[in-house]
Amino acid sequence: METTLKYITKIMLISLLSQNLFAEDIAEVAKRLHLFGGQKATVQWERVFSSQRHLRRYKLNELPLQTRNKLKEYLIKHAADSDQPIVPGL
């Protein structure tokens, strides 16, 4: 029983740490592409990710689909009209 509890605790800790590391990676991807959530409102980010022309313009078409989806989620979460906007220089 005690071994099982230790195993579950380790899995939970690894899960939490990997989520934080992945979130950091997405922020780095956004920074590398010179994209900041506060550059656009939520509707504008939706438009960017739904248009092939915009995907090519921002080089988002080169990203794997899962990374692109996480990046979209991250940018919308920090869009100019969100509760937590992120803009360069702050």
N, C-alpha and C. Protein backbone atom coordinates (compact mmCIF):
# COMPACT_ATOMS: atom_id res chain seq x y z
N MET A 1 0.83 -1.19 0.00
CA MET A 1 0.00 0.00 0.00
C MET A 1 0.87 1.26 0.00
N GLU A 2 1.89 1.25 0.83
CA GLU A 2 2.79 2.40 0.94
C GLU A 2 3.54 2.63 -0.37
N THR A 3 3.95 1.56 -1.04
CA THR A 3 4.66 1.67 -2.31
C THR A 3 3.74 2.26 -3.37
N THR A 4 2.49 1.86 -3.38
CA THR A 4 1.52 2.39 -4.33
C THR A 4 1.33 3.88 -4.13
N LEU A 5 1.25 4.31 -2.89
CA LEU A 5 1.08 5.73 -2.57
C LEU A 5 2.29 6.54 -3.04
N LYS A 6 3.48 6.02 -2.85
CA LYS A 6 4.69 6.70 -3.32
C LYS A 6 4.69 6.79 -4.85
N TYR A 7 4.27 5.72 -5.50
CA TYR A 7 4.20 5.69 -6.96
C TYR A 7 3.22 6.73 -7.49
N ILE A 8 2.07 6.81 -6.88
CA ILE A 8 1.05 7.79 -7.29
C ILE A 8 1.55 9.20 -7.05
N THR A 9 2.21 9.43 -5.93
CA THR A 9 2.76 10.75 -5.62
C THR A 9 3.80 11.15 -6.65
N LYS A 10 4.66 10.24 -7.03
CA LYS A 10 5.69 10.53 -8.05
C LYS A 10 5.04 10.87 -9.40
N ILE A 11 4.02 10.11 -9.77
CA ILE A 11 3.34 10.37 -11.04
C ILE A 11 2.70 11.75 -11.04
N MET A 12 2.06 12.10 -9.94
CA MET A 12 1.43 13.42 -9.84
C MET A 12 2.47 14.53 -9.91
N LEU A 13 3.59 14.37 -9.25
CA LEU A 13 4.65 15.37 -9.27
C LEU A 13 5.23 15.53 -10.67
N ILE A 14 5.48 14.44 -11.34
CA ILE A 14 6.00 14.50 -12.71
C ILE A 14 5.00 15.17 -13.63
N SER A 15 3.74 14.85 -13.45
CA SER A 15 2.70 15.46 -14.27
C SER A 15 2.66 16.97 -14.10
N LEU A 16 2.71 17.43 -12.87
CA LEU A 16 2.69 18.87 -12.60
C LEU A 16 3.92 19.55 -13.18
N LEU A 17 5.07 18.96 -13.01
CA LEU A 17 6.31 19.55 -13.53
C LEU A 17 6.31 19.58 -15.05
N SER A 18 5.84 18.52 -15.69
CA SER A 18 5.84 18.50 -17.15
C SER A 18 4.88 19.52 -17.72
N GLN A 19 3.76 19.78 -17.04
CA GLN A 19 2.84 20.81 -17.51
C GLN A 19 3.50 22.18 -17.44
N ASN A 20 4.21 22.45 -16.36
CA ASN A 20 4.90 23.73 -16.23
C ASN A 20 6.00 23.88 -17.27
N LEU A 21 6.73 22.81 -17.54
CA LEU A 21 7.79 22.88 -18.54
C LEU A 21 7.21 23.09 -19.93
N PHE A 22 6.10 22.42 -20.24
CA PHE A 22 5.48 22.59 -21.54
C PHE A 22 4.94 24.00 -21.71
N ALA A 23 4.37 24.55 -20.64
CA ALA A 23 3.87 25.92 -20.71
C ALA A 23 5.03 26.88 -20.99
N GLU A 24 6.15 26.62 -20.38
CA GLU A 24 7.33 27.46 -20.62
C GLU A 24 7.80 27.31 -22.06
N ASP A 25 7.76 26.10 -22.59
CA ASP A 25 8.15 25.87 -23.97
C ASP A 25 7.27 26.65 -24.94
N ILE A 26 5.97 26.69 -24.68
CA ILE A 26 5.05 27.41 -25.55
C ILE A 26 5.37 28.91 -25.52
N ALA A 27 5.68 29.43 -24.34
CA ALA A 27 6.06 30.84 -24.24
C ALA A 27 7.33 31.10 -25.05
N GLU A 28 8.26 30.17 -25.02
CA GLU A 28 9.49 30.31 -25.79
C GLU A 28 9.22 30.24 -27.29
N VAL A 29 8.32 29.36 -27.69
CA VAL A 29 7.96 29.27 -29.10
C VAL A 29 7.35 30.58 -29.56
N ALA A 30 6.44 31.12 -28.76
CA ALA A 30 5.81 32.40 -29.10
C ALA A 30 6.86 33.51 -29.21
N LYS A 31 7.78 33.52 -28.26
CA LYS A 31 8.82 34.55 -28.27
C LYS A 31 9.71 34.41 -29.50
N ARG A 32 10.06 33.17 -29.84
CA ARG A 32 10.91 32.92 -31.02
C ARG A 32 10.24 33.39 -32.30
N LEU A 33 8.91 33.26 -32.36
CA LEU A 33 8.16 33.69 -33.54
C LEU A 33 7.76 35.16 -33.46
N HIS A 34 8.18 35.84 -32.40
CA HIS A 34 7.86 37.25 -32.18
C HIS A 34 6.35 37.47 -32.08
N LEU A 35 5.68 36.56 -31.37
CA LEU A 35 4.24 36.66 -31.16
C LEU A 35 3.97 36.87 -29.68
N PHE A 36 3.17 37.86 -29.37
CA PHE A 36 2.80 38.15 -28.00
C PHE A 36 1.29 38.28 -27.95
N GLY A 37 0.67 37.68 -26.97
CA GLY A 37 -0.78 37.68 -26.88
C GLY A 37 -1.40 39.05 -26.98
N GLY A 38 -0.77 40.04 -26.36
CA GLY A 38 -1.30 41.39 -26.32
C GLY A 38 -1.25 42.12 -27.65
N GLN A 39 -0.65 41.53 -28.67
CA GLN A 39 -0.60 42.16 -29.99
C GLN A 39 -1.96 42.20 -30.65
N LYS A 40 -2.83 41.25 -30.29
CA LYS A 40 -4.12 41.13 -30.96
C LYS A 40 -5.20 40.78 -29.93
N ALA A 41 -6.44 41.05 -30.30
CA ALA A 41 -7.58 40.64 -29.50
C ALA A 41 -7.89 39.17 -29.79
N THR A 42 -8.71 38.57 -28.97
CA THR A 42 -9.07 37.16 -29.12
C THR A 42 -9.59 36.84 -30.51
N VAL A 43 -10.49 37.66 -31.03
CA VAL A 43 -11.07 37.42 -32.36
C VAL A 43 -9.99 37.44 -33.43
N GLN A 44 -9.03 38.33 -33.29
CA GLN A 44 -7.95 38.42 -34.27
C GLN A 44 -7.07 37.17 -34.23
N TRP A 45 -6.76 36.67 -33.02
CA TRP A 45 -5.97 35.44 -32.94
C TRP A 45 -6.73 34.27 -33.54
N GLU A 46 -8.05 34.22 -33.32
CA GLU A 46 -8.86 33.17 -33.94
C GLU A 46 -8.74 33.23 -35.46
N ARG A 47 -8.77 34.43 -36.00
CA ARG A 47 -8.66 34.63 -37.45
C ARG A 47 -7.29 34.19 -37.96
N VAL A 48 -6.24 34.51 -37.22
CA VAL A 48 -4.88 34.12 -37.63
C VAL A 48 -4.78 32.61 -37.74
N PHE A 49 -5.30 31.90 -36.75
CA PHE A 49 -5.14 30.45 -36.73
C PHE A 49 -6.13 29.72 -37.64
N SER A 50 -7.11 30.42 -38.18
CA SER A 50 -8.07 29.77 -39.07
C SER A 50 -7.79 30.05 -40.54
N SER A 51 -6.81 30.87 -40.84
CA SER A 51 -6.50 31.25 -42.21
C SER A 51 -5.15 30.68 -42.64
N GLN A 52 -5.13 29.95 -43.74
CA GLN A 52 -3.87 29.41 -44.25
C GLN A 52 -2.89 30.52 -44.61
N ARG A 53 -3.40 31.61 -45.13
CA ARG A 53 -2.54 32.74 -45.49
C ARG A 53 -1.84 33.30 -44.25
N HIS A 54 -2.60 33.48 -43.16
CA HIS A 54 -2.01 33.99 -41.93
C HIS A 54 -1.05 32.97 -41.30
N LEU A 55 -1.40 31.70 -41.39
CA LEU A 55 -0.51 30.68 -40.85
C LEU A 55 0.84 30.72 -41.55
N ARG A 56 0.83 30.90 -42.87
CA ARG A 56 2.09 31.01 -43.60
C ARG A 56 2.82 32.30 -43.25
N ARG A 57 2.08 33.39 -43.14
CA ARG A 57 2.69 34.70 -42.84
C ARG A 57 3.47 34.68 -41.53
N TYR A 58 2.89 34.04 -40.52
CA TYR A 58 3.53 33.99 -39.21
C TYR A 58 4.37 32.73 -39.02
N LYS A 59 4.52 31.93 -40.10
CA LYS A 59 5.29 30.68 -40.08
C LYS A 59 4.72 29.65 -39.10
N LEU A 60 3.44 29.73 -38.84
CA LEU A 60 2.78 28.79 -37.94
C LEU A 60 2.50 27.46 -38.63
N ASN A 61 2.45 27.46 -39.95
CA ASN A 61 2.19 26.23 -40.69
C ASN A 61 3.34 25.24 -40.56
N GLU A 62 4.51 25.71 -40.13
CA GLU A 62 5.67 24.85 -39.97
C GLU A 62 5.67 24.11 -38.64
N LEU A 63 4.79 24.52 -37.72
CA LEU A 63 4.71 23.90 -36.41
C LEU A 63 3.85 22.64 -36.45
N PRO A 64 4.16 21.66 -35.60
CA PRO A 64 3.26 20.51 -35.48
C PRO A 64 1.88 20.97 -34.99
N LEU A 65 0.85 20.26 -35.37
CA LEU A 65 -0.51 20.65 -35.05
C LEU A 65 -0.73 20.81 -33.54
N GLN A 66 -0.19 19.90 -32.74
CA GLN A 66 -0.37 19.98 -31.29
C GLN A 66 0.29 21.25 -30.74
N THR A 67 1.47 21.58 -31.20
CA THR A 67 2.16 22.79 -30.76
C THR A 67 1.39 24.03 -31.21
N ARG A 68 0.89 24.00 -32.43
CA ARG A 68 0.11 25.12 -32.95
C ARG A 68 -1.15 25.35 -32.10
N ASN A 69 -1.82 24.26 -31.72
CA ASN A 69 -3.02 24.38 -30.89
C ASN A 69 -2.70 24.94 -29.51
N LYS A 70 -1.60 24.48 -28.92
CA LYS A 70 -1.19 25.00 -27.61
C LYS A 70 -0.79 26.47 -27.71
N LEU A 71 -0.13 26.84 -28.79
CA LEU A 71 0.26 28.23 -29.00
C LEU A 71 -0.97 29.10 -29.16
N LYS A 72 -1.95 28.63 -29.91
CA LYS A 72 -3.20 29.38 -30.07
C LYS A 72 -3.87 29.59 -28.72
N GLU A 73 -3.94 28.54 -27.94
CA GLU A 73 -4.54 28.61 -26.60
C GLU A 73 -3.79 29.63 -25.73
N TYR A 74 -2.46 29.58 -25.79
CA TYR A 74 -1.62 30.49 -25.00
C TYR A 74 -1.83 31.94 -25.43
N LEU A 75 -1.83 32.19 -26.74
CA LEU A 75 -1.98 33.56 -27.23
C LEU A 75 -3.38 34.12 -26.93
N ILE A 76 -4.39 33.29 -27.05
CA ILE A 76 -5.74 33.75 -26.74
C ILE A 76 -5.89 34.01 -25.25
N LYS A 77 -5.27 33.17 -24.44
CA LYS A 77 -5.34 33.37 -22.99
C LYS A 77 -4.72 34.71 -22.59
N HIS A 78 -3.71 35.14 -23.34
CA HIS A 78 -3.00 36.39 -23.03
C HIS A 78 -3.26 37.48 -24.07
N ALA A 79 -4.40 37.39 -24.77
CA ALA A 79 -4.75 38.39 -25.79
C ALA A 79 -4.99 39.76 -25.17
N ALA A 80 -4.99 40.77 -26.00
CA ALA A 80 -5.15 42.15 -25.53
C ALA A 80 -6.44 42.36 -24.75
N ASP A 81 -7.49 41.64 -25.12
CA ASP A 81 -8.78 41.81 -24.44
C ASP A 81 -9.02 40.76 -23.35
N SER A 82 -7.98 40.05 -22.95
CA SER A 82 -8.13 39.04 -21.90
C SER A 82 -7.86 39.63 -20.52
N ASP A 83 -8.05 38.81 -19.50
CA ASP A 83 -7.78 39.26 -18.13
C ASP A 83 -6.28 39.33 -17.82
N GLN A 84 -5.48 38.59 -18.61
CA GLN A 84 -4.03 38.53 -18.38
C GLN A 84 -3.25 38.81 -19.66
N PRO A 85 -3.36 40.00 -20.23
CA PRO A 85 -2.64 40.27 -21.48
C PRO A 85 -1.12 40.27 -21.28
N ILE A 86 -0.42 39.77 -22.27
CA ILE A 86 1.04 39.80 -22.26
C ILE A 86 1.49 40.64 -23.45
N VAL A 87 2.27 41.67 -23.17
CA VAL A 87 2.83 42.51 -24.23
C VAL A 87 4.34 42.56 -24.06
N PRO A 88 5.07 42.74 -25.15
CA PRO A 88 6.52 42.79 -25.04
C PRO A 88 6.97 43.97 -24.19
N GLY A 89 8.02 43.75 -23.43
CA GLY A 89 8.60 44.83 -22.63
C GLY A 89 8.04 44.97 -21.23
N LEU A 90 7.03 44.17 -20.89
CA LEU A 90 6.47 44.25 -19.52
C LEU A 90 6.94 43.11 -18.69
